[in-house]
Amino acid sequence: MTPRQLEALLARRRAEMEHREVLAAQIAEKVVNWGFRAPREAAKISDFMPSRWSAAPAAESVELTDELRASIANSWRMMCTEVVPAGNPGAI
C-alpha cells in the first residue's frame, strides 16, 4: 500500500466517523431541545460532536519585534540563572 492510498483510506475513515457523529448529534440535539425540560438557550448540533470540541480557533500571529525578542531573551536568561547557579553549571 502506498502512502497516497493510506492517506485516502484515512480520509475516508474520518469522513465516515464524522458522518456517524453528525447523525448521533442531530438526534441528541433534538431530544435536548424538544424534551420536557428544554434549555433556555437552544443546543446546537456541534455541542454534541466531540470532534468539534478540540477544534480551537487559530491563534493570532504576533509580530516579533526587536523589543519583544529582547524581552523574551531577558526573561529566559533570568529563568536560567535561577535554575543554574552562576558558579556551579554542573549542579543540574
PDB file of N, CA and C in Angstrom:
ATOM      1  N   MET A   1       0.853  -1.175   0.000  1.00  0.00           N
ATOM      2  CA  MET A   1       0.000   0.000   0.000  1.00  0.00           C
ATOM      3  C   MET A   1       0.902   1.242   0.000  1.00  0.00           C
ATOM      4  N   THR A   2       0.595   2.148  -0.880  1.00  0.00           N
ATOM      5  CA  THR A   2       1.396   3.360  -0.989  1.00  0.00           C
ATOM      6  C   THR A   2       0.929   4.383   0.048  1.00  0.00           C
ATOM      7  N   PRO A   3       1.776   5.354   0.362  1.00  0.00           N
ATOM      8  CA  PRO A   3       1.363   6.408   1.297  1.00  0.00           C
ATOM      9  C   PRO A   3       0.119   7.162   0.830  1.00  0.00           C
ATOM     10  N   ARG A   4      -0.007   7.351  -0.475  1.00  0.00           N
ATOM     11  CA  ARG A   4      -1.179   8.058  -1.008  1.00  0.00           C
ATOM     12  C   ARG A   4      -2.456   7.242  -0.784  1.00  0.00           C
ATOM     13  N   GLN A   5      -2.376   5.936  -0.969  1.00  0.00           N
ATOM     14  CA  GLN A   5      -3.530   5.072  -0.730  1.00  0.00           C
ATOM     15  C   GLN A   5      -3.904   5.068   0.757  1.00  0.00           C
ATOM     16  N   LEU A   6      -2.888   4.999   1.609  1.00  0.00           N
ATOM     17  CA  LEU A   6      -3.138   5.028   3.050  1.00  0.00           C
ATOM     18  C   LEU A   6      -3.813   6.335   3.455  1.00  0.00           C
ATOM     19  N   GLU A   7      -3.340   7.427   2.921  1.00  0.00           N
ATOM     20  CA  GLU A   7      -3.943   8.724   3.232  1.00  0.00           C
ATOM     21  C   GLU A   7      -5.391   8.792   2.751  1.00  0.00           C
ATOM     22  N   ALA A   8      -5.659   8.220   1.591  1.00  0.00           N
ATOM     23  CA  ALA A   8      -7.033   8.196   1.071  1.00  0.00           C
ATOM     24  C   ALA A   8      -7.935   7.354   1.969  1.00  0.00           C
ATOM     25  N   LEU A   9      -7.443   6.212   2.441  1.00  0.00           N
ATOM     26  CA  LEU A   9      -8.221   5.377   3.349  1.00  0.00           C
ATOM     27  C   LEU A   9      -8.489   6.089   4.672  1.00  0.00           C
ATOM     28  N   LEU A  10      -7.471   6.767   5.198  1.00  0.00           N
ATOM     29  CA  LEU A  10      -7.649   7.509   6.448  1.00  0.00           C
ATOM     30  C   LEU A  10      -8.663   8.641   6.293  1.00  0.00           C
ATOM     31  N   ALA A  11      -8.607   9.336   5.164  1.00  0.00           N
ATOM     32  CA  ALA A  11      -9.566  10.424   4.918  1.00  0.00           C
ATOM     33  C   ALA A  11     -10.983   9.873   4.818  1.00  0.00           C
ATOM     34  N   ARG A  12     -11.128   8.721   4.155  1.00  0.00           N
ATOM     35  CA  ARG A  12     -12.450   8.102   4.043  1.00  0.00           C
ATOM     36  C   ARG A  12     -12.967   7.677   5.413  1.00  0.00           C
ATOM     37  N   ARG A  13     -12.086   7.125   6.223  1.00  0.00           N
ATOM     38  CA  ARG A  13     -12.476   6.695   7.574  1.00  0.00           C
ATOM     39  C   ARG A  13     -12.907   7.894   8.417  1.00  0.00           C
ATOM     40  N   ARG A  14     -12.140   8.990   8.331  1.00  0.00           N
ATOM     41  CA  ARG A  14     -12.505  10.203   9.077  1.00  0.00           C
ATOM     42  C   ARG A  14     -13.868  10.725   8.642  1.00  0.00           C
ATOM     43  N   ALA A  15     -14.123  10.703   7.337  1.00  0.00           N
ATOM     44  CA  ALA A  15     -15.409  11.182   6.815  1.00  0.00           C
ATOM     45  C   ALA A  15     -16.553  10.306   7.308  1.00  0.00           C
ATOM     46  N   GLU A  16     -16.353   8.982   7.334  1.00  0.00           N
ATOM     47  CA  GLU A  16     -17.385   8.082   7.842  1.00  0.00           C
ATOM     48  C   GLU A  16     -17.672   8.333   9.314  1.00  0.00           C
ATOM     49  N   MET A  17     -16.605   8.492  10.085  1.00  0.00           N
ATOM     50  CA  MET A  17     -16.778   8.733  11.520  1.00  0.00           C
ATOM     51  C   MET A  17     -17.496  10.053  11.773  1.00  0.00           C
ATOM     52  N   GLU A  18     -17.136  11.079  11.022  1.00  0.00           N
ATOM     53  CA  GLU A  18     -17.782  12.372  11.202  1.00  0.00           C
ATOM     54  C   GLU A  18     -19.258  12.299  10.798  1.00  0.00           C
ATOM     55  N   HIS A  19     -19.572  11.544   9.762  1.00  0.00           N
ATOM     56  CA  HIS A  19     -20.963  11.392   9.341  1.00  0.00           C
ATOM     57  C   HIS A  19     -21.783  10.725  10.438  1.00  0.00           C
ATOM     58  N   ARG A  20     -21.248   9.657  11.019  1.00  0.00           N
ATOM     59  CA  ARG A  20     -21.940   8.979  12.123  1.00  0.00           C
ATOM     60  C   ARG A  20     -22.107   9.906  13.314  1.00  0.00           C
ATOM     61  N   GLU A  21     -21.067  10.681  13.585  1.00  0.00           N
ATOM     62  CA  GLU A  21     -21.122  11.618  14.707  1.00  0.00           C
ATOM     63  C   GLU A  21     -22.202  12.681  14.481  1.00  0.00           C
ATOM     64  N   VAL A  22     -22.327  13.167  13.250  1.00  0.00           N
ATOM     65  CA  VAL A  22     -23.348  14.166  12.928  1.00  0.00           C
ATOM     66  C   VAL A  22     -24.741  13.580  13.123  1.00  0.00           C
ATOM     67  N   LEU A  23     -24.936  12.343  12.678  1.00  0.00           N
ATOM     68  CA  LEU A  23     -26.242  11.714  12.836  1.00  0.00           C
ATOM     69  C   LEU A  23     -26.611  11.568  14.318  1.00  0.00           C
ATOM     70  N   ALA A  24     -25.667  11.097  15.128  1.00  0.00           N
ATOM     71  CA  ALA A  24     -25.922  10.946  16.558  1.00  0.00           C
ATOM     72  C   ALA A  24     -26.131  12.308  17.218  1.00  0.00           C
ATOM     73  N   ALA A  25     -25.373  13.310  16.788  1.00  0.00           N
ATOM     74  CA  ALA A  25     -25.503  14.660  17.363  1.00  0.00           C
ATOM     75  C   ALA A  25     -26.857  15.274  17.017  1.00  0.00           C
ATOM     76  N   GLN A  26     -27.364  14.997  15.818  1.00  0.00           N
ATOM     77  CA  GLN A  26     -28.689  15.507  15.441  1.00  0.00           C
ATOM     78  C   GLN A  26     -29.769  14.929  16.349  1.00  0.00           C
ATOM     79  N   ILE A  27     -29.682  13.639  16.618  1.00  0.00           N
ATOM     80  CA  ILE A  27     -30.662  13.005  17.497  1.00  0.00           C
ATOM     81  C   ILE A  27     -30.565  13.592  18.904  1.00  0.00           C
ATOM     82  N   ALA A  28     -29.346  13.709  19.420  1.00  0.00           N
ATOM     83  CA  ALA A  28     -29.156  14.241  20.772  1.00  0.00           C
ATOM     84  C   ALA A  28     -29.656  15.680  20.865  1.00  0.00           C
ATOM     85  N   GLU A  29     -29.375  16.477  19.840  1.00  0.00           N
ATOM     86  CA  GLU A  29     -29.813  17.880  19.836  1.00  0.00           C
ATOM     87  C   GLU A  29     -31.332  17.975  19.850  1.00  0.00           C
ATOM     88  N   LYS A  30     -31.997  17.145  19.061  1.00  0.00           N
ATOM     89  CA  LYS A  30     -33.469  17.167  19.016  1.00  0.00           C
ATOM     90  C   LYS A  30     -34.064  16.737  20.351  1.00  0.00           C
ATOM     91  N   VAL A  31     -33.498  15.714  20.966  1.00  0.00           N
ATOM     92  CA  VAL A  31     -34.001  15.244  22.255  1.00  0.00           C
ATOM     93  C   VAL A  31     -33.853  16.334  23.312  1.00  0.00           C
ATOM     94  N   VAL A  32     -32.697  16.991  23.333  1.00  0.00           N
ATOM     95  CA  VAL A  32     -32.464  18.036  24.332  1.00  0.00           C
ATOM     96  C   VAL A  32     -33.374  19.237  24.091  1.00  0.00           C
ATOM     97  N   ASN A  33     -33.470  19.695  22.868  1.00  0.00           N
ATOM     98  CA  ASN A  33     -34.246  20.903  22.580  1.00  0.00           C
ATOM     99  C   ASN A  33     -35.760  20.685  22.640  1.00  0.00           C
ATOM    100  N   TRP A  34     -36.223  19.469  22.382  1.00  0.00           N
ATOM    101  CA  TRP A  34     -37.655  19.210  22.335  1.00  0.00           C
ATOM    102  C   TRP A  34     -38.139  18.357  23.501  1.00  0.00           C
ATOM    103  N   GLY A  35     -37.296  18.124  24.490  1.00  0.00           N
ATOM    104  CA  GLY A  35     -37.683  17.322  25.640  1.00  0.00           C
ATOM    105  C   GLY A  35     -38.570  18.100  26.604  1.00  0.00           C
ATOM    106  N   PHE A  36     -38.953  17.435  27.691  1.00  0.00           N
ATOM    107  CA  PHE A  36     -39.819  18.069  28.684  1.00  0.00           C
ATOM    108  C   PHE A  36     -39.155  19.273  29.343  1.00  0.00           C
ATOM    109  N   ARG A  37     -37.847  19.193  29.525  1.00  0.00           N
ATOM    110  CA  ARG A  37     -37.118  20.294  30.162  1.00  0.00           C
ATOM    111  C   ARG A  37     -36.157  20.918  29.152  1.00  0.00           C
ATOM    112  N   ALA A  38     -36.694  21.576  28.194  1.00  0.00           N
ATOM    113  CA  ALA A  38     -35.874  22.201  27.151  1.00  0.00           C
ATOM    114  C   ALA A  38     -35.036  23.323  27.754  1.00  0.00           C
ATOM    115  N   PRO A  39     -33.812  23.482  27.306  1.00  0.00           N
ATOM    116  CA  PRO A  39     -32.958  24.545  27.837  1.00  0.00           C
ATOM    117  C   PRO A  39     -33.448  25.927  27.382  1.00  0.00           C
ATOM    118  N   ARG A  40     -33.073  26.952  28.130  1.00  0.00           N
ATOM    119  CA  ARG A  40     -33.450  28.323  27.751  1.00  0.00           C
ATOM    120  C   ARG A  40     -32.800  28.703  26.423  1.00  0.00           C
ATOM    121  N   GLU A  41     -31.560  28.305  26.278  1.00  0.00           N
ATOM    122  CA  GLU A  41     -30.824  28.574  25.046  1.00  0.00           C
ATOM    123  C   GLU A  41     -30.747  27.278  24.253  1.00  0.00           C
ATOM    124  N   ALA A  42     -31.184  27.283  23.037  1.00  0.00           N
ATOM    125  CA  ALA A  42     -31.219  26.059  22.236  1.00  0.00           C
ATOM    126  C   ALA A  42     -29.814  25.484  22.049  1.00  0.00           C
ATOM    127  N   ALA A  43     -29.709  24.174  22.189  1.00  0.00           N
ATOM    128  CA  ALA A  43     -28.437  23.493  21.963  1.00  0.00           C
ATOM    129  C   ALA A  43     -28.177  23.415  20.458  1.00  0.00           C
ATOM    130  N   LYS A  44     -26.908  23.380  20.105  1.00  0.00           N
ATOM    131  CA  LYS A  44     -26.522  23.256  18.702  1.00  0.00           C
ATOM    132  C   LYS A  44     -26.025  21.843  18.457  1.00  0.00           C
ATOM    133  N   ILE A  45     -26.038  21.431  17.228  1.00  0.00           N
ATOM    134  CA  ILE A  45     -25.550  20.097  16.885  1.00  0.00           C
ATOM    135  C   ILE A  45     -24.077  19.962  17.259  1.00  0.00           C
ATOM    136  N   SER A  46     -23.299  21.002  17.060  1.00  0.00           N
ATOM    137  CA  SER A  46     -21.871  20.929  17.371  1.00  0.00           C
ATOM    138  C   SER A  46     -21.609  20.748  18.863  1.00  0.00           C
ATOM    139  N   ASP A  47     -22.584  21.045  19.725  1.00  0.00           N
ATOM    140  CA  ASP A  47     -22.420  20.820  21.159  1.00  0.00           C
ATOM    141  C   ASP A  47     -22.302  19.338  21.483  1.00  0.00           C
ATOM    142  N   PHE A  48     -22.775  18.482  20.579  1.00  0.00           N
ATOM    143  CA  PHE A  48     -22.773  17.045  20.808  1.00  0.00           C
ATOM    144  C   PHE A  48     -21.793  16.313  19.900  1.00  0.00           C
ATOM    145  N   MET A  49     -20.829  17.056  19.366  1.00  0.00           N
ATOM    146  CA  MET A  49     -19.826  16.461  18.483  1.00  0.00           C
ATOM    147  C   MET A  49     -18.440  16.605  19.102  1.00  0.00           C
ATOM    148  N   PRO A  50     -17.916  15.556  19.736  1.00  0.00           N
ATOM    149  CA  PRO A  50     -16.602  15.642  20.373  1.00  0.00           C
ATOM    150  C   PRO A  50     -15.485  16.041  19.417  1.00  0.00           C
ATOM    151  N   SER A  51     -15.602  15.696  18.150  1.00  0.00           N
ATOM    152  CA  SER A  51     -14.537  16.068  17.211  1.00  0.00           C
ATOM    153  C   SER A  51     -14.459  17.580  17.026  1.00  0.00           C
ATOM    154  N   ARG A  52     -15.529  18.300  17.286  1.00  0.00           N
ATOM    155  CA  ARG A  52     -15.539  19.758  17.140  1.00  0.00           C
ATOM    156  C   ARG A  52     -15.098  20.462  18.416  1.00  0.00           C
ATOM    157  N   TRP A  53     -15.114  19.755  19.549  1.00  0.00           N
ATOM    158  CA  TRP A  53     -14.746  20.386  20.810  1.00  0.00           C
ATOM    159  C   TRP A  53     -13.281  20.787  20.825  1.00  0.00           C
ATOM    160  N   SER A  54     -12.427  19.961  20.248  1.00  0.00           N
ATOM    161  CA  SER A  54     -10.999  20.243  20.298  1.00  0.00           C
ATOM    162  C   SER A  54     -10.541  21.203  19.217  1.00  0.00           C
ATOM    163  N   ALA A  55     -11.417  21.557  18.309  1.00  0.00           N
ATOM    164  CA  ALA A  55     -11.048  22.478  17.247  1.00  0.00           C
ATOM    165  C   ALA A  55     -10.961  23.892  17.819  1.00  0.00           C
ATOM    166  N   ALA A  56      -9.766  24.258  18.215  1.00  0.00           N
ATOM    167  CA  ALA A  56      -9.546  25.574  18.804  1.00  0.00           C
ATOM    168  C   ALA A  56      -9.372  26.612  17.701  1.00  0.00           C
ATOM    169  N   PRO A  57      -9.798  27.825  17.950  1.00  0.00           N
ATOM    170  CA  PRO A  57      -9.583  28.870  16.944  1.00  0.00           C
ATOM    171  C   PRO A  57      -8.091  29.141  16.765  1.00  0.00           C
ATOM    172  N   ALA A  58      -7.742  29.512  15.578  1.00  0.00           N
ATOM    173  CA  ALA A  58      -6.339  29.786  15.278  1.00  0.00           C
ATOM    174  C   ALA A  58      -5.836  30.962  16.101  1.00  0.00           C
ATOM    175  N   ALA A  59      -4.635  30.817  16.603  1.00  0.00           N
ATOM    176  CA  ALA A  59      -4.041  31.885  17.412  1.00  0.00           C
ATOM    177  C   ALA A  59      -3.643  33.050  16.502  1.00  0.00           C
ATOM    178  N   GLU A  60      -3.776  34.229  17.044  1.00  0.00           N
ATOM    179  CA  GLU A  60      -3.375  35.405  16.279  1.00  0.00           C
ATOM    180  C   GLU A  60      -1.857  35.434  16.167  1.00  0.00           C
ATOM    181  N   SER A  61      -1.374  35.787  14.998  1.00  0.00           N
ATOM    182  CA  SER A  61       0.070  35.884  14.842  1.00  0.00           C
ATOM    183  C   SER A  61       0.550  37.215  15.428  1.00  0.00           C
ATOM    184  N   VAL A  62       1.652  37.142  16.117  1.00  0.00           N
ATOM    185  CA  VAL A  62       2.226  38.322  16.754  1.00  0.00           C
ATOM    186  C   VAL A  62       3.513  38.663  16.032  1.00  0.00           C
ATOM    187  N   GLU A  63       3.647  39.924  15.687  1.00  0.00           N
ATOM    188  CA  GLU A  63       4.872  40.348  15.025  1.00  0.00           C
ATOM    189  C   GLU A  63       5.997  40.387  16.052  1.00  0.00           C
ATOM    190  N   LEU A  64       7.078  39.694  15.747  1.00  0.00           N
ATOM    191  CA  LEU A  64       8.193  39.590  16.667  1.00  0.00           C
ATOM    192  C   LEU A  64       9.152  40.763  16.420  1.00  0.00           C
ATOM    193  N   THR A  65       8.987  41.811  17.197  1.00  0.00           N
ATOM    194  CA  THR A  65       9.833  42.990  17.055  1.00  0.00           C
ATOM    195  C   THR A  65      11.125  42.775  17.842  1.00  0.00           C
ATOM    196  N   ASP A  66      12.086  43.660  17.612  1.00  0.00           N
ATOM    197  CA  ASP A  66      13.363  43.569  18.334  1.00  0.00           C
ATOM    198  C   ASP A  66      13.145  43.738  19.840  1.00  0.00           C
ATOM    199  N   GLU A  67      12.215  44.606  20.207  1.00  0.00           N
ATOM    200  CA  GLU A  67      11.931  44.836  21.620  1.00  0.00           C
ATOM    201  C   GLU A  67      11.335  43.584  22.271  1.00  0.00           C
ATOM    202  N   LEU A  68      10.432  42.923  21.570  1.00  0.00           N
ATOM    203  CA  LEU A  68       9.823  41.704  22.093  1.00  0.00           C
ATOM    204  C   LEU A  68      10.859  40.584  22.184  1.00  0.00           C
ATOM    205  N   ARG A  69      11.723  40.477  21.184  1.00  0.00           N
ATOM    206  CA  ARG A  69      12.796  39.476  21.226  1.00  0.00           C
ATOM    207  C   ARG A  69      13.710  39.691  22.412  1.00  0.00           C
ATOM    208  N   ALA A  70      14.064  40.944  22.661  1.00  0.00           N
ATOM    209  CA  ALA A  70      14.942  41.249  23.794  1.00  0.00           C
ATOM    210  C   ALA A  70      14.253  40.903  25.110  1.00  0.00           C
ATOM    211  N   SER A  71      12.980  41.194  25.220  1.00  0.00           N
ATOM    212  CA  SER A  71      12.224  40.876  26.422  1.00  0.00           C
ATOM    213  C   SER A  71      12.173  39.373  26.661  1.00  0.00           C
ATOM    214  N   ILE A  72      11.927  38.607  25.612  1.00  0.00           N
ATOM    215  CA  ILE A  72      11.890  37.143  25.734  1.00  0.00           C
ATOM    216  C   ILE A  72      13.262  36.615  26.131  1.00  0.00           C
ATOM    217  N   ALA A  73      14.295  37.127  25.502  1.00  0.00           N
ATOM    218  CA  ALA A  73      15.650  36.678  25.818  1.00  0.00           C
ATOM    219  C   ALA A  73      16.009  36.996  27.266  1.00  0.00           C
ATOM    220  N   ASN A  74      15.662  38.191  27.744  1.00  0.00           N
ATOM    221  CA  ASN A  74      15.966  38.550  29.137  1.00  0.00           C
ATOM    222  C   ASN A  74      15.200  37.668  30.109  1.00  0.00           C
ATOM    223  N   SER A  75      13.957  37.392  29.812  1.00  0.00           N
ATOM    224  CA  SER A  75      13.166  36.506  30.674  1.00  0.00           C
ATOM    225  C   SER A  75      13.786  35.117  30.716  1.00  0.00           C
ATOM    226  N   TRP A  76      14.236  34.642  29.578  1.00  0.00           N
ATOM    227  CA  TRP A  76      14.852  33.324  29.506  1.00  0.00           C
ATOM    228  C   TRP A  76      16.159  33.293  30.302  1.00  0.00           C
ATOM    229  N   ARG A  77      16.952  34.338  30.157  1.00  0.00           N
ATOM    230  CA  ARG A  77      18.213  34.404  30.905  1.00  0.00           C
ATOM    231  C   ARG A  77      17.967  34.421  32.405  1.00  0.00           C
ATOM    232  N   MET A  78      16.984  35.199  32.848  1.00  0.00           N
ATOM    233  CA  MET A  78      16.673  35.267  34.277  1.00  0.00           C
ATOM    234  C   MET A  78      16.216  33.900  34.787  1.00  0.00           C
ATOM    235  N   MET A  79      15.411  33.203  34.003  1.00  0.00           N
ATOM    236  CA  MET A  79      14.941  31.897  34.417  1.00  0.00           C
ATOM    237  C   MET A  79      16.094  30.899  34.490  1.00  0.00           C
ATOM    238  N   CYS A  80      17.010  30.970  33.538  1.00  0.00           N
ATOM    239  CA  CYS A  80      18.153  30.054  33.541  1.00  0.00           C
ATOM    240  C   CYS A  80      19.091  30.318  34.709  1.00  0.00           C
ATOM    241  N   THR A  81      19.278  31.576  35.083  1.00  0.00           N
ATOM    242  CA  THR A  81      20.169  31.877  36.208  1.00  0.00           C
ATOM    243  C   THR A  81      19.556  31.439  37.526  1.00  0.00           C
ATOM    244  N   GLU A  82      18.220  31.371  37.602  1.00  0.00           N
ATOM    245  CA  GLU A  82      17.581  30.872  38.806  1.00  0.00           C
ATOM    246  C   GLU A  82      17.756  29.368  38.920  1.00  0.00           C
ATOM    247  N   VAL A  83      17.746  28.668  37.803  1.00  0.00           N
ATOM    248  CA  VAL A  83      17.859  27.208  37.823  1.00  0.00           C
ATOM    249  C   VAL A  83      19.294  26.778  38.013  1.00  0.00           C
ATOM    250  N   VAL A  84      20.227  27.412  37.305  1.00  0.00           N
ATOM    251  CA  VAL A  84      21.648  27.048  37.378  1.00  0.00           C
ATOM    252  C   VAL A  84      22.395  28.169  38.060  1.00  0.00           C
ATOM    253  N   PRO A  85      22.951  27.938  39.253  1.00  0.00           N
ATOM    254  CA  PRO A  85      23.741  28.978  39.906  1.00  0.00           C
ATOM    255  C   PRO A  85      24.942  29.375  39.046  1.00  0.00           C
ATOM    256  N   ALA A  86      25.321  30.635  39.100  1.00  0.00           N
ATOM    257  CA  ALA A  86      26.364  31.172  38.228  1.00  0.00           C
ATOM    258  C   ALA A  86      27.694  30.444  38.392  1.00  0.00           C
ATOM    259  N   GLY A  87      28.073  30.081  39.588  1.00  0.00           N
ATOM    260  CA  GLY A  87      29.393  29.463  39.797  1.00  0.00           C
ATOM    261  C   GLY A  87      29.378  27.950  39.691  1.00  0.00           C
ATOM    262  N   ASN A  88      28.233  27.322  39.500  1.00  0.00           N
ATOM    263  CA  ASN A  88      28.158  25.877  39.515  1.00  0.00           C
ATOM    264  C   ASN A  88      27.282  25.349  38.364  1.00  0.00           C
ATOM    265  N   PRO A  89      27.790  25.367  37.115  1.00  0.00           N
ATOM    266  CA  PRO A  89      26.966  24.935  35.990  1.00  0.00           C
ATOM    267  C   PRO A  89      26.684  23.431  36.013  1.00  0.00           C
ATOM    268  N   GLY A  90      27.442  22.648  36.755  1.00  0.00           N
ATOM    269  CA  GLY A  90      27.214  21.200  36.800  1.00  0.00           C
ATOM    270  C   GLY A  90      26.244  20.804  37.905  1.00  0.00           C
ATOM    271  N   ALA A  91      25.553  21.760  38.499  1.00  0.00           N
ATOM    272  CA  ALA A  91      24.651  21.479  39.613  1.00  0.00           C
ATOM    273  C   ALA A  91      23.413  20.705  39.187  1.00  0.00           C
ATOM    274  N   ILE A  92      23.065  20.789  37.935  1.00  0.00           N
ATOM    275  CA  ILE A  92      21.835  20.112  37.489  1.00  0.00           C
ATOM    276  C   ILE A  92      22.094  18.661  37.206  1.00  0.00           C
TER     277      ILE A  92
END
